[in-house]
């Protein structure tokens, strides 16, 4: 089996505006995305942004950065902390990047076989789903987060896609798994798996 991965060279390198380093985390992230848009212009949206954090991984900008990149732009990101660089750390980061770019890091032994079990002996491929809703602290009225993961590349049952969205606070049932828009398109959280 062939190992490794090929990634195009970075399109551009963007540094944080030094004038914003003492600003709030949200302001710093907003400014970084302004710089990203300025540098990339109307070019194709990047598949991944590698963010070298100026502080440790749990720095104040980590959460706002992930939220902005995924929620507002739909861009996968990988954050790294320069204080932890060693072979094992780099290997783990590259495995994450490979997965985020659609690569396969490993396969289950059964995936090498043509005898993947089918539910109820049908010949129909099977999708494995996982769903959960996460809530804020007990007295918080922030939106809950609904997430769905599902196998997508039959018979590779270990390859999953994911879809995440906010919903009303404290609602345990996932709202809008399927939701038809006025033009008949499904805009629910499951649309990702169709």
Protein backbone atom coordinates (compact mmCIF):
# COMPACT_ATOMS: atom_id res chain seq x y z
CA UNK A 1 0.00 0.00 0.00
CA UNK A 2 1.33 3.43 -0.93
CA UNK A 3 1.93 5.89 1.89
CA UNK A 4 2.23 9.63 1.93
CA UNK A 5 0.31 12.48 0.45
CA UNK A 6 0.80 15.21 -2.10
CA UNK A 7 -0.25 18.77 -1.32
CA UNK A 8 0.17 21.76 -3.58
CA UNK A 9 2.51 24.44 -2.32
CA UNK A 10 0.82 27.13 -0.22
CA UNK A 11 -0.95 29.68 -2.35
CA UNK A 12 0.14 32.55 -0.14
CA UNK A 13 1.48 33.30 3.30
CA UNK A 14 -0.35 35.85 5.44
CA UNK A 15 0.94 37.29 8.70
CA UNK A 16 -1.16 38.81 11.44
CA UNK A 17 -1.34 42.60 11.38
CA UNK A 18 0.97 43.69 14.25
CA UNK A 19 -1.39 46.56 15.10
CA UNK A 20 -4.05 44.03 16.11
CA UNK A 21 -1.98 41.80 18.40
CA UNK A 22 -3.36 43.48 21.53
CA UNK A 23 -6.94 43.58 20.21
CA UNK A 24 -9.69 41.21 21.34
CA UNK A 25 -9.53 37.65 19.94
CA UNK A 26 -12.59 38.27 17.75
CA UNK A 27 -11.11 41.51 16.36
CA UNK A 28 -7.81 39.74 15.63
CA UNK A 29 -9.60 36.96 13.75
CA UNK A 30 -11.80 39.41 11.83
CA UNK A 31 -8.68 41.30 10.72
CA UNK A 32 -6.93 38.06 9.69
CA UNK A 33 -9.86 37.11 7.48
CA UNK A 34 -9.87 40.59 5.96
CA UNK A 35 -6.21 39.98 5.07
CA UNK A 36 -7.04 36.53 3.67
CA UNK A 37 -9.75 38.00 1.43
CA UNK A 38 -7.45 40.86 0.35
CA UNK A 39 -4.59 38.48 -0.53
CA UNK A 40 -6.65 35.81 -2.27
CA UNK A 41 -9.06 38.15 -4.03
CA UNK A 42 -11.46 36.29 -6.31
CA UNK A 43 -9.27 33.20 -6.54
CA UNK A 44 -10.69 29.80 -5.74
CA UNK A 45 -11.53 29.36 -2.07
CA UNK A 46 -8.73 27.48 -0.30
CA UNK A 47 -9.39 23.89 0.75
CA UNK A 48 -7.42 24.36 3.95
CA UNK A 49 -5.87 27.18 5.94
CA UNK A 50 -2.90 26.29 8.14
CA UNK A 51 -2.86 28.64 11.12
CA UNK A 52 0.35 28.93 13.12
CA UNK A 53 -0.87 30.19 16.47
CA UNK A 54 1.25 32.85 18.11
CA UNK A 55 0.53 31.27 21.49
CA UNK A 56 -0.25 27.76 22.68
CA UNK A 57 -3.07 25.83 20.95
CA UNK A 58 -5.65 26.81 23.55
CA UNK A 59 -4.94 30.47 22.89
CA UNK A 60 -7.75 33.01 22.95
CA UNK A 61 -7.97 33.17 19.16
CA UNK A 62 -8.38 29.40 18.62
CA UNK A 63 -12.18 29.32 19.15
CA UNK A 64 -12.98 32.48 17.17
CA UNK A 65 -10.64 31.32 14.37
CA UNK A 66 -12.32 27.91 14.06
CA UNK A 67 -15.81 29.44 14.22
CA UNK A 68 -15.05 32.07 11.57
CA UNK A 69 -13.33 29.69 9.17
CA UNK A 70 -15.88 26.87 9.40
CA UNK A 71 -19.15 28.72 10.05
CA UNK A 72 -18.68 31.83 7.92
CA UNK A 73 -16.43 30.54 5.14
CA UNK A 74 -16.74 26.74 5.19
CA UNK A 75 -12.96 26.35 5.04
CA UNK A 76 -11.19 23.56 6.90
CA UNK A 77 -8.34 24.75 9.08
CA UNK A 78 -5.50 23.18 10.98
CA UNK A 79 -4.01 25.12 13.85
CA UNK A 80 -0.53 24.34 15.08
CA UNK A 81 1.45 25.56 18.04
CA UNK A 82 5.13 26.23 17.37
CA UNK A 83 6.04 25.30 20.94
CA UNK A 84 5.30 21.59 20.38
CA UNK A 85 7.22 20.77 17.20
CA UNK A 86 8.62 17.22 17.18
CA UNK A 87 8.25 14.20 14.87
CA UNK A 88 5.19 12.75 16.63
CA UNK A 89 3.43 16.13 16.70
CA UNK A 90 4.10 16.69 12.99
CA UNK A 91 2.92 13.18 12.13
CA UNK A 92 -0.36 13.75 13.98
CA UNK A 93 -0.85 17.15 12.31
CA UNK A 94 -0.24 15.63 8.86
CA UNK A 95 -2.74 12.83 9.55
CA UNK A 96 -5.35 15.47 10.45
CA UNK A 97 -4.56 17.51 7.34
CA UNK A 98 -4.72 14.43 5.12
CA UNK A 99 -8.14 13.55 6.52
CA UNK A 100 -9.43 17.13 6.16
CA UNK A 101 -8.34 17.12 2.50
CA UNK A 102 -10.21 13.88 1.82
CA UNK A 103 -7.32 11.44 2.22
CA UNK A 104 -7.51 8.03 3.87
CA UNK A 105 -5.23 7.49 6.86
CA UNK A 106 -6.24 3.90 7.59
CA UNK A 107 -8.79 1.28 6.66
CA UNK A 108 -10.51 -1.33 8.75
CA UNK A 109 -9.51 -4.89 7.83
CA UNK A 110 -13.08 -5.62 6.74
CA UNK A 111 -12.89 -2.76 4.20
CA UNK A 112 -10.28 -4.73 2.26
CA UNK A 113 -12.79 -7.56 1.92
CA UNK A 114 -15.74 -7.84 -0.43
CA UNK A 115 -17.68 -9.35 2.46
CA UNK A 116 -18.74 -6.23 4.34
CA UNK A 117 -21.84 -7.21 6.29
CA UNK A 118 -25.06 -5.71 5.01
CA UNK A 119 -27.98 -4.93 7.25
CA UNK A 120 -30.68 -7.64 7.12
CA UNK A 121 -28.93 -9.48 4.26
CA UNK A 122 -29.98 -6.92 1.68
CA UNK A 123 -27.68 -5.98 -1.17
CA UNK A 124 -28.16 -2.29 -0.42
CA UNK A 125 -25.13 -0.35 0.83
CA UNK A 126 -25.37 0.76 4.44
CA UNK A 127 -24.76 4.21 5.91
CA UNK A 128 -23.66 4.47 9.52
CA UNK A 129 -24.80 7.68 11.26
CA UNK A 130 -24.03 9.32 14.58
CA UNK A 131 -25.92 12.36 15.90
CA UNK A 132 -25.68 14.50 19.00
CA UNK A 133 -26.73 17.86 20.40
CA UNK A 134 -24.46 19.84 22.70
CA UNK A 135 -25.76 22.55 25.02
CA UNK A 136 -24.20 25.50 26.83
CA UNK A 137 -23.96 25.75 30.60
CA UNK A 138 -27.22 25.31 32.57
CA UNK A 139 -28.13 29.02 32.87
CA UNK A 140 -26.88 29.98 29.43
CA UNK A 141 -29.22 30.86 26.57
CA UNK A 142 -26.64 30.38 23.82
CA UNK A 143 -27.74 28.22 20.87
CA UNK A 144 -27.26 24.47 21.09
CA UNK A 145 -24.99 22.77 18.56
CA UNK A 146 -26.38 19.85 16.53
CA UNK A 147 -23.95 17.56 14.74
CA UNK A 148 -24.34 14.59 12.41
CA UNK A 149 -21.58 12.33 11.13
CA UNK A 150 -22.12 9.62 8.57
CA UNK A 151 -20.22 7.14 6.46
CA UNK A 152 -20.26 8.28 2.84
CA UNK A 153 -17.92 6.23 0.71
CA UNK A 154 -19.35 2.72 0.61
CA UNK A 155 -17.75 0.29 1.22
CA UNK A 156 -15.26 2.47 3.15
CA UNK A 157 -17.26 2.53 6.36
CA UNK A 158 -14.45 4.27 8.26
CA UNK A 159 -14.66 7.44 6.09
CA UNK A 160 -17.10 9.93 7.56
CA UNK A 161 -18.45 13.31 6.60
CA UNK A 162 -19.88 15.73 9.12
CA UNK A 163 -22.46 18.50 9.28
CA UNK A 164 -22.88 20.94 12.16
CA UNK A 165 -25.36 23.74 12.83
CA UNK A 166 -26.83 25.76 15.65
CA UNK A 167 -30.38 25.42 16.87
CA UNK A 168 -32.61 26.72 19.66
CA UNK A 169 -31.06 26.47 23.14
CA UNK A 170 -31.73 23.36 25.21
CA UNK A 171 -33.55 21.44 22.46
CA UNK A 172 -32.30 17.85 22.57
CA UNK A 173 -34.01 16.70 19.36
CA UNK A 174 -32.12 17.75 16.22
CA UNK A 175 -34.17 20.39 14.45
CA UNK A 176 -34.41 20.22 10.66
CA UNK A 177 -32.72 16.94 9.82
CA UNK A 178 -34.61 17.32 6.56
CA UNK A 179 -36.15 20.67 5.65
CA UNK A 180 -37.57 21.59 2.27
CA UNK A 181 -37.00 25.12 1.02
CA UNK A 182 -39.55 27.01 -1.11
CA UNK A 183 -37.94 25.64 -4.29
CA UNK A 184 -38.10 22.05 -3.04
CA UNK A 185 -34.42 21.65 -2.12
CA UNK A 186 -33.45 19.98 1.13
CA UNK A 187 -31.66 22.55 3.30
CA UNK A 188 -31.66 20.40 6.45
CA UNK A 189 -28.58 19.16 8.24
CA UNK A 190 -28.72 15.83 6.33
CA UNK A 191 -28.34 17.50 2.90
CA UNK A 192 -24.59 16.96 3.21
CA UNK A 193 -25.09 13.20 2.98
CA UNK A 194 -27.20 13.08 -0.18
